[in-house]
Structures are given as C-alpha cells and as structure tokens.
Amino acid sequence: MKMKISEETSLCLEVILLLAFGMIMVVIGAVLLTVAAGALPYYVEGVYGLLLVMFGLQLQTTGKIPIGFVKRSWSVLIPGIIITVIGFCTCFVPGILGTIPKFLVMAIFGVGSILLFVQLFFAQERYWVGKTQGNRLIRQLTINSAVVCILESLIAVLIAVQICLPGIHSTNLLAVGALLLGIALFCLAFALQKVYRTDPESDMSTKTPGISLDTVMGMQYGFYMLVLGCLMVPINLGLLPYALRAMHGILVVLFGVQALVVGSITTLVFKRNWIFLLVGMVFVAVGAFAVIVPDMVVEHLMFFIGVLIILGGFYLLYTLVRPKQRSEVPARKPEGKDLQLMILLLILALLTAILMILFGTSLLIENLIPGTGIAIILICFGLSQLVLQYVLSLAVKKNLIV
C-alpha cells in the first residue's frame, strides 16, 4: 500500500511522543559529541530542563514515564505539571535549582528502566506485549524495550557519576548513550506502531479518561507564560541571570509537541498529515538545539515565534466572529448560568487574543514594551490561558460547544 504524504496520519499518541523524545535524544547526543570535540559550547541546565519538560509532557499526555508504564489520569496530571514547570525554571534561569534537575532526571531514567524491566519480565498481564499476536512481534517489542531500558540505566549511571565525581569527564559516553537511546526509541516507536495497527485495542493512550489532549496542550502555554512572567520580574531587576535562547527554544519545542499531539500550533489548526508530522518533528529538533546550544539561532527564533503568536492571536479573533458551521449534533442553547459561562468564555478568548498579539509584537519590535510591561503581559497571558482552558472544558462538557 502506497502512503501519500497528504494523507491523515495513523500514528498512535504513544508512538508520536516516542518519536519526539527520540528526536530530542538524537539532538542531545549529536550536540554533546561536537561539544566533546571542542566544536560547540552547550548549556548544561538546558539539557536537563529540556528532558524534564518532555518527561512532564509525556506523563500528562500518555500517562507514561519515560516510555510508558502508568495509565494517564487526573492523578498523574499534577505530577506531570510539576515536572514540566521544574523543567521550565531549569531552562530559563541557569543554576536556579542547583543539582535538583540532575537528580530528578537520573531518578526518572533509573526508576523508569527498573519498572520497565519488571513490566517486561515479571508482570502477569503485560501491557501491550501480552496482547500482541505473533511471536515475532512479541520478540521484537521485548528486545527493543530491553535495549531502551539498558540505555536509560546507562544514562542514569553517567549522570550519577557527573554528580558524585564531577572531575571525571563522561561527555563522550553520555553523547553516545543519548544517540543510541534516540535510535532505540525510534525503533521501539516503529515496533509499537505495528502492534497497534495489528491490535488497536492494545492502544491504551486513546482510552484514558479525563482531560482532553487539546486542553492539556493549551495548559502548557499557560504554565510557560506564567512561569516566564514571574521570573522576568527578578530578572529585570538584575537579581537573576537568564538564558534567552532556552526561553524561546522551549516554546518552539511546545509548538512541535502540540503539532504532533493535536495537529495545531497555538490556535492555528492543521490537517494531521505526514507533512505536518514532519513539521512538528522539525520544530522539536530546532527548539531542542536552541535550548542546548547558546545564542546560535536566537534572533531568527524570536522573529519566527513572534509571527506565529501574532497569527494565532488574529486567528483566535477570527474564530470569535466567523459564522458557525452547522453540526450534526447541535449545541445546546445557553441559558442562565450557562449563558454567563459563554460570556465569560468570550471575554477570556478576546483577552487571550489581545495578549497574544501584544506579546508577539514585542518579540518583533525590540524595546517596544519595557521589561516590566512584558512580565505583566506574560503573567496575564498565562492566567487567562489557564482559565480559558478550564472554562472551555466546562462548556464542552455542558454541550455548549460542539
């Protein structure tokens, strides 16, 4: 069967996140190899912060760390958000959390590999392995998972060595480990997609109840803007250092993950075909590179992000005034408190759109808005985005929006 690049992708959510995580590990490995050769500098906190952001996003979207062992539910959203926010802080302000990010990444890799081993060889009901038909697929999945597990354990050990024996240079080993883990994650993603294509019922990521993926990804922008805005206050007062390239790089990574998971960037919605999948992977790779390598693509990223956010703001305004298409399941007419909810939703959407345009414009025109003003805009943007996502989810549950 020939695959057309304009066709809708059939990749499962867990597979998509594995591909994104694999891409980041390949970028980290490639950069660290050039660093070991003396060709590039790199931002150490950016590496660990980026990994924490991806761990948190995986936990919130698929309910699994780092490649999967627990079901996504409300009980894992809060830990996922905490890990993501710690990743943001680690990237934005060098050294703000000391060695905590290293210990956290080491623990996640180490615990994740141990739990995966237990899952593979000791669990009575293996998750997707036990439901797969065909010994060849079972063997392939088991081998790929074991390789990923071993490489994760190796990276955890190397991080421990860096923490306990900082005089020992293990950059080369860490680079090779990251590269191999990235390749292993790609192989596992392809193997897992074969399983889900053969047995769709084994894909638990599409059956997890609770908050929708659109809401989850929308919340990430709220937390990003809120954390960045709060940190900008002491940064503007000269009390904290900051990493401008990492701030913008993480936002591009969020764009890429949102594109891969829900088929949109900011408020712009696209068809989830193979071209857009490639665009999402490129965003993830470019954003990861910008986070890890200092001051290489900052100006280009600022222009790119500014344009995207401005377009997203105007598109959000357009969605508020465009004629609504008729749906097979008509939305319920709001009355009383429901009407108040819809009015609040409209106000929040309008406020969010205006703040998006203001923030995007500040990225395009230098010194247009003073630093304190940008911090206020970011804090208001983050709060409005979070409240908007909550109110929107309520409206969807009440069938006020279809």
Protein backbone atom coordinates (compact mmCIF):
# COMPACT_ATOMS: atom_id res chain seq x y z
CA MET A 1 0.00 0.00 0.00
CA LYS A 2 1.44 3.38 -1.02
CA MET A 3 1.43 6.15 1.57
CA LYS A 4 0.58 9.67 0.41
CA ILE A 5 2.24 12.45 2.38
CA SER A 6 -1.02 14.45 2.32
CA GLU A 7 -2.96 11.61 3.96
CA GLU A 8 -4.07 11.72 7.60
CA THR A 9 -1.50 10.01 9.82
CA SER A 10 -2.45 6.79 11.57
CA LEU A 11 0.24 7.06 14.22
CA CYS A 12 -0.86 6.49 17.81
CA LEU A 13 -0.27 9.05 20.53
CA GLU A 14 2.33 7.00 22.39
CA VAL A 15 4.22 6.38 19.16
CA ILE A 16 4.25 10.09 18.33
CA LEU A 17 5.64 11.01 21.76
CA LEU A 18 8.30 8.30 21.43
CA LEU A 19 9.36 9.80 18.09
CA ALA A 20 9.54 13.30 19.60
CA PHE A 21 11.54 12.07 22.59
CA GLY A 22 13.82 10.09 20.27
CA MET A 23 14.44 13.20 18.18
CA ILE A 24 15.42 15.17 21.27
CA MET A 25 17.82 12.44 22.42
CA VAL A 26 19.44 12.36 18.96
CA VAL A 27 19.88 16.16 19.03
CA ILE A 28 21.34 16.00 22.55
CA GLY A 29 23.72 13.20 21.53
CA ALA A 30 24.85 14.98 18.36
CA VAL A 31 25.46 18.27 20.21
CA LEU A 32 27.37 16.56 23.03
CA LEU A 33 29.62 14.81 20.51
CA THR A 34 30.56 18.17 18.99
CA VAL A 35 30.99 19.60 22.49
CA ALA A 36 33.39 16.78 23.41
CA ALA A 37 35.34 17.59 20.24
CA GLY A 38 35.54 21.26 21.26
CA ALA A 39 33.48 22.50 18.30
CA LEU A 40 30.47 23.84 20.24
CA PRO A 41 29.62 25.18 23.67
CA TYR A 42 26.49 23.91 25.36
CA TYR A 43 24.06 24.88 28.08
CA VAL A 44 24.13 22.12 30.72
CA GLU A 45 20.95 23.22 32.50
CA GLY A 46 19.20 23.35 29.13
CA VAL A 47 19.80 19.62 28.60
CA TYR A 48 18.26 18.63 31.92
CA GLY A 49 15.48 21.19 31.73
CA LEU A 50 14.53 20.01 28.25
CA LEU A 51 14.41 16.38 29.38
CA LEU A 52 12.22 17.31 32.36
CA VAL A 53 9.82 19.23 30.10
CA MET A 54 9.49 16.18 27.85
CA PHE A 55 9.03 13.82 30.82
CA GLY A 56 6.28 16.07 32.14
CA LEU A 57 4.56 16.31 28.77
CA GLN A 58 4.69 12.53 28.30
CA LEU A 59 3.19 11.99 31.73
CA GLN A 60 0.37 14.45 31.04
CA THR A 61 -0.47 13.19 27.56
CA THR A 62 0.18 9.45 27.65
CA GLY A 63 0.46 8.84 31.38
CA LYS A 64 3.86 7.18 30.97
CA ILE A 65 7.45 7.89 32.02
CA PRO A 66 9.66 7.83 30.03
CA ILE A 67 8.18 5.36 27.52
CA GLY A 68 5.25 4.06 29.47
CA PHE A 69 4.11 2.19 32.50
CA VAL A 70 1.18 4.00 34.14
CA LYS A 71 -2.20 4.99 32.79
CA ARG A 72 -2.90 8.68 32.19
CA SER A 73 -5.43 10.02 34.67
CA TRP A 74 -6.06 13.06 36.84
CA SER A 75 -3.70 11.64 39.46
CA VAL A 76 -0.74 11.92 37.06
CA LEU A 77 -1.56 15.34 35.61
CA ILE A 78 -0.39 17.24 38.68
CA PRO A 79 3.00 15.43 38.94
CA GLY A 80 3.41 15.93 35.18
CA ILE A 81 2.73 19.66 35.51
CA ILE A 82 5.18 19.95 38.41
CA ILE A 83 7.93 18.20 36.42
CA THR A 84 7.24 20.41 33.39
CA VAL A 85 7.36 23.61 35.48
CA ILE A 86 10.64 22.49 37.08
CA GLY A 87 11.94 21.95 33.53
CA PHE A 88 10.87 25.48 32.54
CA CYS A 89 12.62 27.03 35.55
CA THR A 90 15.76 24.98 34.93
CA CYS A 91 15.97 26.18 31.33
CA PHE A 92 15.05 29.81 31.96
CA VAL A 93 17.44 30.61 34.85
CA PRO A 94 20.87 28.90 34.95
CA GLY A 95 21.55 27.18 38.26
CA ILE A 96 18.31 28.30 39.93
CA LEU A 97 17.60 24.79 41.27
CA GLY A 98 21.18 23.60 41.74
CA THR A 99 21.62 19.86 41.22
CA ILE A 100 17.92 19.06 41.71
CA PRO A 101 17.23 18.74 37.93
CA LYS A 102 20.14 16.28 37.55
CA PHE A 103 18.91 14.15 40.44
CA LEU A 104 15.37 14.25 39.07
CA VAL A 105 16.40 13.20 35.54
CA MET A 106 18.64 10.47 36.99
CA ALA A 107 15.78 9.18 39.14
CA ILE A 108 13.28 9.20 36.26
CA PHE A 109 15.64 7.34 33.93
CA GLY A 110 16.67 4.90 36.65
CA VAL A 111 13.19 4.20 38.05
CA GLY A 112 11.69 4.09 34.56
CA SER A 113 14.16 1.44 33.41
CA ILE A 114 13.64 -0.68 36.52
CA LEU A 115 9.85 -0.54 36.19
CA LEU A 116 10.07 -1.42 32.51
CA PHE A 117 12.17 -4.47 33.33
CA VAL A 118 9.59 -5.51 35.89
CA GLN A 119 6.85 -4.94 33.35
CA LEU A 120 8.59 -6.97 30.68
CA PHE A 121 9.63 -9.99 32.67
CA PHE A 122 7.60 -10.21 35.85
CA ALA A 123 4.13 -8.73 35.28
CA GLN A 124 1.43 -11.38 34.85
CA GLU A 125 -0.52 -9.19 32.47
CA ARG A 126 1.92 -7.44 30.21
CA TYR A 127 0.56 -4.21 28.82
CA TRP A 128 0.89 -4.28 25.03
CA VAL A 129 3.35 -7.19 24.84
CA GLY A 130 0.86 -9.69 26.22
CA LYS A 131 -1.86 -8.60 23.83
CA THR A 132 0.26 -8.83 20.69
CA GLN A 133 -0.39 -11.66 18.28
CA GLY A 134 2.65 -13.27 16.71
CA ASN A 135 5.85 -14.40 18.37
CA ARG A 136 7.96 -12.26 16.05
CA LEU A 137 6.29 -9.02 17.16
CA ILE A 138 6.46 -10.07 20.80
CA ARG A 139 10.17 -10.80 20.47
CA GLN A 140 10.84 -7.55 18.60
CA LEU A 141 8.99 -5.46 21.19
CA THR A 142 10.68 -7.18 24.08
CA ILE A 143 14.16 -6.72 22.60
CA ASN A 144 13.53 -3.04 21.71
CA SER A 145 12.12 -2.32 25.16
CA ALA A 146 15.04 -4.07 26.87
CA VAL A 147 17.55 -2.06 24.82
CA VAL A 148 15.80 1.19 25.73
CA CYS A 149 15.79 0.13 29.37
CA ILE A 150 19.52 -0.68 29.37
CA LEU A 151 20.39 2.64 27.72
CA GLU A 152 18.24 4.57 30.18
CA SER A 153 20.04 2.82 33.04
CA LEU A 154 23.40 3.70 31.47
CA ILE A 155 22.44 7.38 31.20
CA ALA A 156 21.24 7.37 34.82
CA VAL A 157 24.61 5.91 35.91
CA LEU A 158 26.55 8.50 33.87
CA ILE A 159 24.53 11.33 35.42
CA ALA A 160 25.24 9.88 38.86
CA VAL A 161 28.95 9.84 38.02
CA GLN A 162 28.79 13.51 36.98
CA ILE A 163 27.09 14.39 40.27
CA CYS A 164 29.33 12.34 42.57
CA LEU A 165 32.62 12.66 40.66
CA PRO A 166 32.47 15.98 38.76
CA GLY A 167 36.16 15.72 37.86
CA ILE A 168 35.53 12.73 35.59
CA HIS A 169 34.68 13.75 32.03
CA SER A 170 31.95 11.48 30.70
CA THR A 171 30.61 13.75 27.95
CA ASN A 172 31.59 11.34 25.18
CA LEU A 173 29.87 8.41 26.88
CA LEU A 174 26.78 10.50 27.62
CA ALA A 175 26.67 11.63 23.98
CA VAL A 176 26.90 8.07 22.66
CA GLY A 177 24.30 6.91 25.18
CA ALA A 178 21.89 9.69 24.16
CA LEU A 179 22.36 8.93 20.46
CA LEU A 180 21.80 5.22 20.94
CA LEU A 181 18.76 5.87 23.13
CA GLY A 182 17.29 8.14 20.47
CA ILE A 183 17.75 5.46 17.81
CA ALA A 184 16.33 2.80 20.16
CA LEU A 185 13.26 4.97 20.82
CA PHE A 186 12.70 5.30 17.07
CA CYS A 187 12.92 1.52 16.69
CA LEU A 188 10.54 0.98 19.60
CA ALA A 189 8.09 3.51 18.13
CA PHE A 190 8.01 1.68 14.79
CA ALA A 191 7.60 -1.69 16.52
CA LEU A 192 4.85 -0.36 18.75
CA GLN A 193 3.01 1.11 15.77
CA LYS A 194 2.99 -2.36 14.18
CA VAL A 195 1.40 -3.72 17.33
CA TYR A 196 -1.27 -1.04 17.47
CA ARG A 197 -2.01 -1.48 13.79
CA THR A 198 -2.47 -5.22 14.35
CA ASP A 199 -4.36 -4.87 17.63
CA PRO A 200 -5.92 -1.38 18.04
CA GLU A 201 -7.48 -2.41 21.38
CA SER A 202 -4.00 -2.54 22.93
CA ASP A 203 -3.54 1.23 22.47
CA MET A 204 -4.38 2.42 25.99
CA SER A 205 -3.34 6.03 25.33
CA THR A 206 -6.54 6.67 23.34
CA LYS A 207 -8.78 5.20 26.04
CA THR A 208 -7.62 7.16 29.07
CA PRO A 209 -10.41 9.22 30.64
CA GLY A 210 -10.22 12.75 31.93
CA ILE A 211 -8.92 15.98 30.46
CA SER A 212 -8.70 16.25 26.67
CA LEU A 213 -5.37 16.49 24.88
CA ASP A 214 -6.30 19.91 23.42
CA THR A 215 -6.80 21.21 26.95
CA VAL A 216 -3.55 19.60 28.17
CA MET A 217 -1.52 21.24 25.41
CA GLY A 218 -3.29 24.57 25.88
CA MET A 219 -2.42 24.46 29.57
CA GLN A 220 1.29 24.15 28.75
CA TYR A 221 1.33 27.62 27.18
CA GLY A 222 -0.40 28.99 30.27
CA PHE A 223 2.20 27.49 32.61
CA TYR A 224 5.04 28.55 30.30
CA MET A 225 3.89 32.18 30.17
CA LEU A 226 3.09 32.30 33.88
CA VAL A 227 6.48 30.89 34.94
CA LEU A 228 8.36 33.10 32.48
CA GLY A 229 6.42 36.20 33.52
CA CYS A 230 7.05 35.60 37.24
CA LEU A 231 10.77 35.03 36.63
CA MET A 232 11.02 38.12 34.42
CA VAL A 233 10.34 40.36 37.42
CA PRO A 234 13.56 39.50 39.34
CA ILE A 235 15.41 39.14 36.02
CA ASN A 236 14.53 42.73 35.05
CA LEU A 237 15.68 43.88 38.50
CA GLY A 238 19.05 42.24 37.87
CA LEU A 239 18.56 39.68 40.64
CA LEU A 240 18.70 36.59 38.43
CA PRO A 241 20.60 35.56 35.28
CA TYR A 242 18.59 34.24 32.37
CA ALA A 243 19.00 32.12 29.23
CA LEU A 244 17.16 33.90 26.40
CA ARG A 245 17.85 31.17 23.83
CA ALA A 246 16.43 28.48 26.11
CA MET A 247 13.29 30.53 26.79
CA HIS A 248 12.48 30.68 23.09
CA GLY A 249 13.75 27.19 22.34
CA ILE A 250 11.38 25.59 24.84
CA LEU A 251 8.46 27.47 23.30
CA VAL A 252 9.36 26.08 19.85
CA VAL A 253 9.51 22.58 21.38
CA LEU A 254 6.00 23.15 22.76
CA PHE A 255 4.88 24.22 19.27
CA GLY A 256 6.30 20.99 17.87
CA VAL A 257 4.77 18.72 20.50
CA GLN A 258 1.39 20.43 20.12
CA ALA A 259 1.58 19.93 16.35
CA LEU A 260 2.40 16.24 16.79
CA VAL A 261 -0.18 15.52 19.51
CA VAL A 262 -3.26 17.54 18.49
CA GLY A 263 -2.47 18.87 15.00
CA SER A 264 -2.33 22.58 15.85
CA ILE A 265 0.17 25.34 16.65
CA THR A 266 -1.00 28.00 19.12
CA THR A 267 -4.61 28.45 17.89
CA LEU A 268 -3.88 27.54 14.26
CA VAL A 269 -5.39 24.18 13.29
CA PHE A 270 -3.97 22.00 10.51
CA LYS A 271 -4.68 18.65 8.93
CA ARG A 272 -2.64 15.99 10.75
CA ASN A 273 -0.97 14.56 7.66
CA TRP A 274 2.59 13.34 7.18
CA ILE A 275 3.79 16.78 6.08
CA PHE A 276 2.55 18.35 9.31
CA LEU A 277 4.06 15.46 11.27
CA LEU A 278 7.42 16.30 9.69
CA VAL A 279 6.93 19.99 10.53
CA GLY A 280 6.29 19.07 14.16
CA MET A 281 9.45 16.94 14.29
CA VAL A 282 11.49 19.79 12.78
CA PHE A 283 10.10 22.18 15.41
CA VAL A 284 11.07 19.76 18.18
CA ALA A 285 14.60 19.36 16.77
CA VAL A 286 15.18 23.09 16.19
CA GLY A 287 13.76 24.00 19.59
CA ALA A 288 15.92 21.39 21.33
CA PHE A 289 19.03 22.66 19.53
CA ALA A 290 18.22 26.25 20.54
CA VAL A 291 17.84 25.21 24.18
CA ILE A 292 21.12 23.28 24.31
CA VAL A 293 23.44 25.44 22.18
CA PRO A 294 23.83 29.06 23.42
CA ASP A 295 22.96 32.04 21.22
CA MET A 296 23.02 30.27 17.84
CA VAL A 297 19.54 30.98 16.48
CA VAL A 298 18.02 33.45 18.95
CA GLU A 299 17.17 36.31 16.57
CA HIS A 300 15.61 34.01 13.98
CA LEU A 301 13.59 32.22 16.66
CA MET A 302 12.28 35.48 18.11
CA PHE A 303 11.02 36.59 14.70
CA PHE A 304 9.52 33.18 13.96
CA ILE A 305 7.80 32.89 17.35
CA GLY A 306 6.53 36.45 17.17
CA VAL A 307 4.92 35.89 13.77
CA LEU A 308 3.34 32.59 14.86
CA ILE A 309 1.88 34.05 18.06
CA ILE A 310 0.51 37.12 16.26
CA LEU A 311 -1.10 34.90 13.62
CA GLY A 312 -2.53 32.73 16.40
CA GLY A 313 -4.00 35.80 18.12
CA PHE A 314 -5.65 37.07 14.95
CA TYR A 315 -6.95 33.60 14.13
CA LEU A 316 -8.48 33.37 17.60
CA LEU A 317 -10.21 36.71 16.98
CA TYR A 318 -11.43 35.38 13.63
CA THR A 319 -12.91 32.27 15.25
CA LEU A 320 -14.92 34.51 17.58
CA VAL A 321 -16.65 36.36 14.74
CA ARG A 322 -16.82 33.86 11.87
CA PRO A 323 -20.18 32.21 11.07
CA LYS A 324 -20.57 28.88 12.83
CA GLN A 325 -20.91 25.77 10.70
CA ARG A 326 -23.90 23.57 11.32
CA SER A 327 -23.09 20.39 13.19
CA GLU A 328 -24.82 17.02 13.12
CA VAL A 329 -25.13 17.32 16.90
CA PRO A 330 -26.35 20.89 17.52
CA ALA A 331 -25.00 22.72 20.53
CA ARG A 332 -27.41 23.35 23.37
CA LYS A 333 -28.70 26.93 23.59
CA PRO A 334 -27.17 28.55 26.69
CA GLU A 335 -29.47 29.99 29.35
CA GLY A 336 -28.97 31.31 32.86
CA LYS A 337 -25.59 30.26 34.29
CA ASP A 338 -24.68 28.58 31.02
CA LEU A 339 -25.12 31.91 29.25
CA GLN A 340 -22.85 33.56 31.83
CA LEU A 341 -20.31 30.82 31.20
CA MET A 342 -20.36 31.50 27.46
CA ILE A 343 -19.99 35.25 28.01
CA LEU A 344 -17.00 34.59 30.29
CA LEU A 345 -15.54 32.29 27.64
CA LEU A 346 -15.91 35.00 25.01
CA ILE A 347 -14.23 37.61 27.25
CA LEU A 348 -11.33 35.26 28.07
CA ALA A 349 -10.82 34.36 24.42
CA LEU A 350 -10.81 38.05 23.45
CA LEU A 351 -8.35 38.90 26.23
CA THR A 352 -6.09 35.99 25.30
CA ALA A 353 -6.07 37.03 21.63
CA ILE A 354 -5.12 40.62 22.50
CA LEU A 355 -2.34 39.47 24.84
CA MET A 356 -1.02 37.10 22.15
CA ILE A 357 -0.81 39.94 19.64
CA LEU A 358 0.90 42.23 22.19
CA PHE A 359 3.46 39.59 23.18
CA GLY A 360 4.16 38.60 19.58
CA THR A 361 4.63 42.24 18.58
CA SER A 362 7.08 42.77 21.47
CA LEU A 363 9.21 39.96 20.05
CA LEU A 364 9.28 41.55 16.59
CA ILE A 365 9.94 45.15 17.67
CA GLU A 366 12.78 45.47 20.16
CA ASN A 367 12.21 47.74 23.18
CA LEU A 368 8.62 48.38 22.13
CA ILE A 369 7.44 47.35 25.61
CA PRO A 370 9.66 47.71 28.71
CA GLY A 371 10.74 44.58 30.57
CA THR A 372 8.28 45.09 33.41
CA GLY A 373 5.45 45.53 30.93
CA ILE A 374 6.38 42.28 29.17
CA ALA A 375 6.41 40.48 32.53
CA ILE A 376 2.89 41.77 33.28
CA ILE A 377 1.70 40.74 29.80
CA LEU A 378 3.16 37.25 30.25
CA ILE A 379 1.59 36.76 33.68
CA CYS A 380 -1.82 37.96 32.43
CA PHE A 381 -1.42 35.82 29.30
CA GLY A 382 -0.61 32.74 31.36
CA LEU A 383 -3.50 33.23 33.78
CA SER A 384 -6.01 33.99 31.01
CA GLN A 385 -4.86 30.93 29.05
CA LEU A 386 -5.26 28.61 32.05
CA VAL A 387 -8.70 29.97 32.98
CA LEU A 388 -9.72 29.89 29.30
CA GLN A 389 -8.84 26.20 29.04
CA TYR A 390 -10.81 25.42 32.20
CA VAL A 391 -13.90 27.37 31.10
CA LEU A 392 -13.68 25.88 27.61
CA SER A 393 -13.60 22.35 29.05
CA LEU A 394 -16.72 23.16 31.11
CA ALA A 395 -18.51 24.47 28.02
CA VAL A 396 -17.64 21.31 26.08
CA LYS A 397 -18.89 19.08 28.92
CA LYS A 398 -22.18 21.01 29.02
CA ASN A 399 -22.52 20.56 25.23
CA LEU A 400 -22.48 24.32 24.73
CA ILE A 401 -19.69 23.88 22.16
CA VAL A 402 -19.51 21.06 19.63
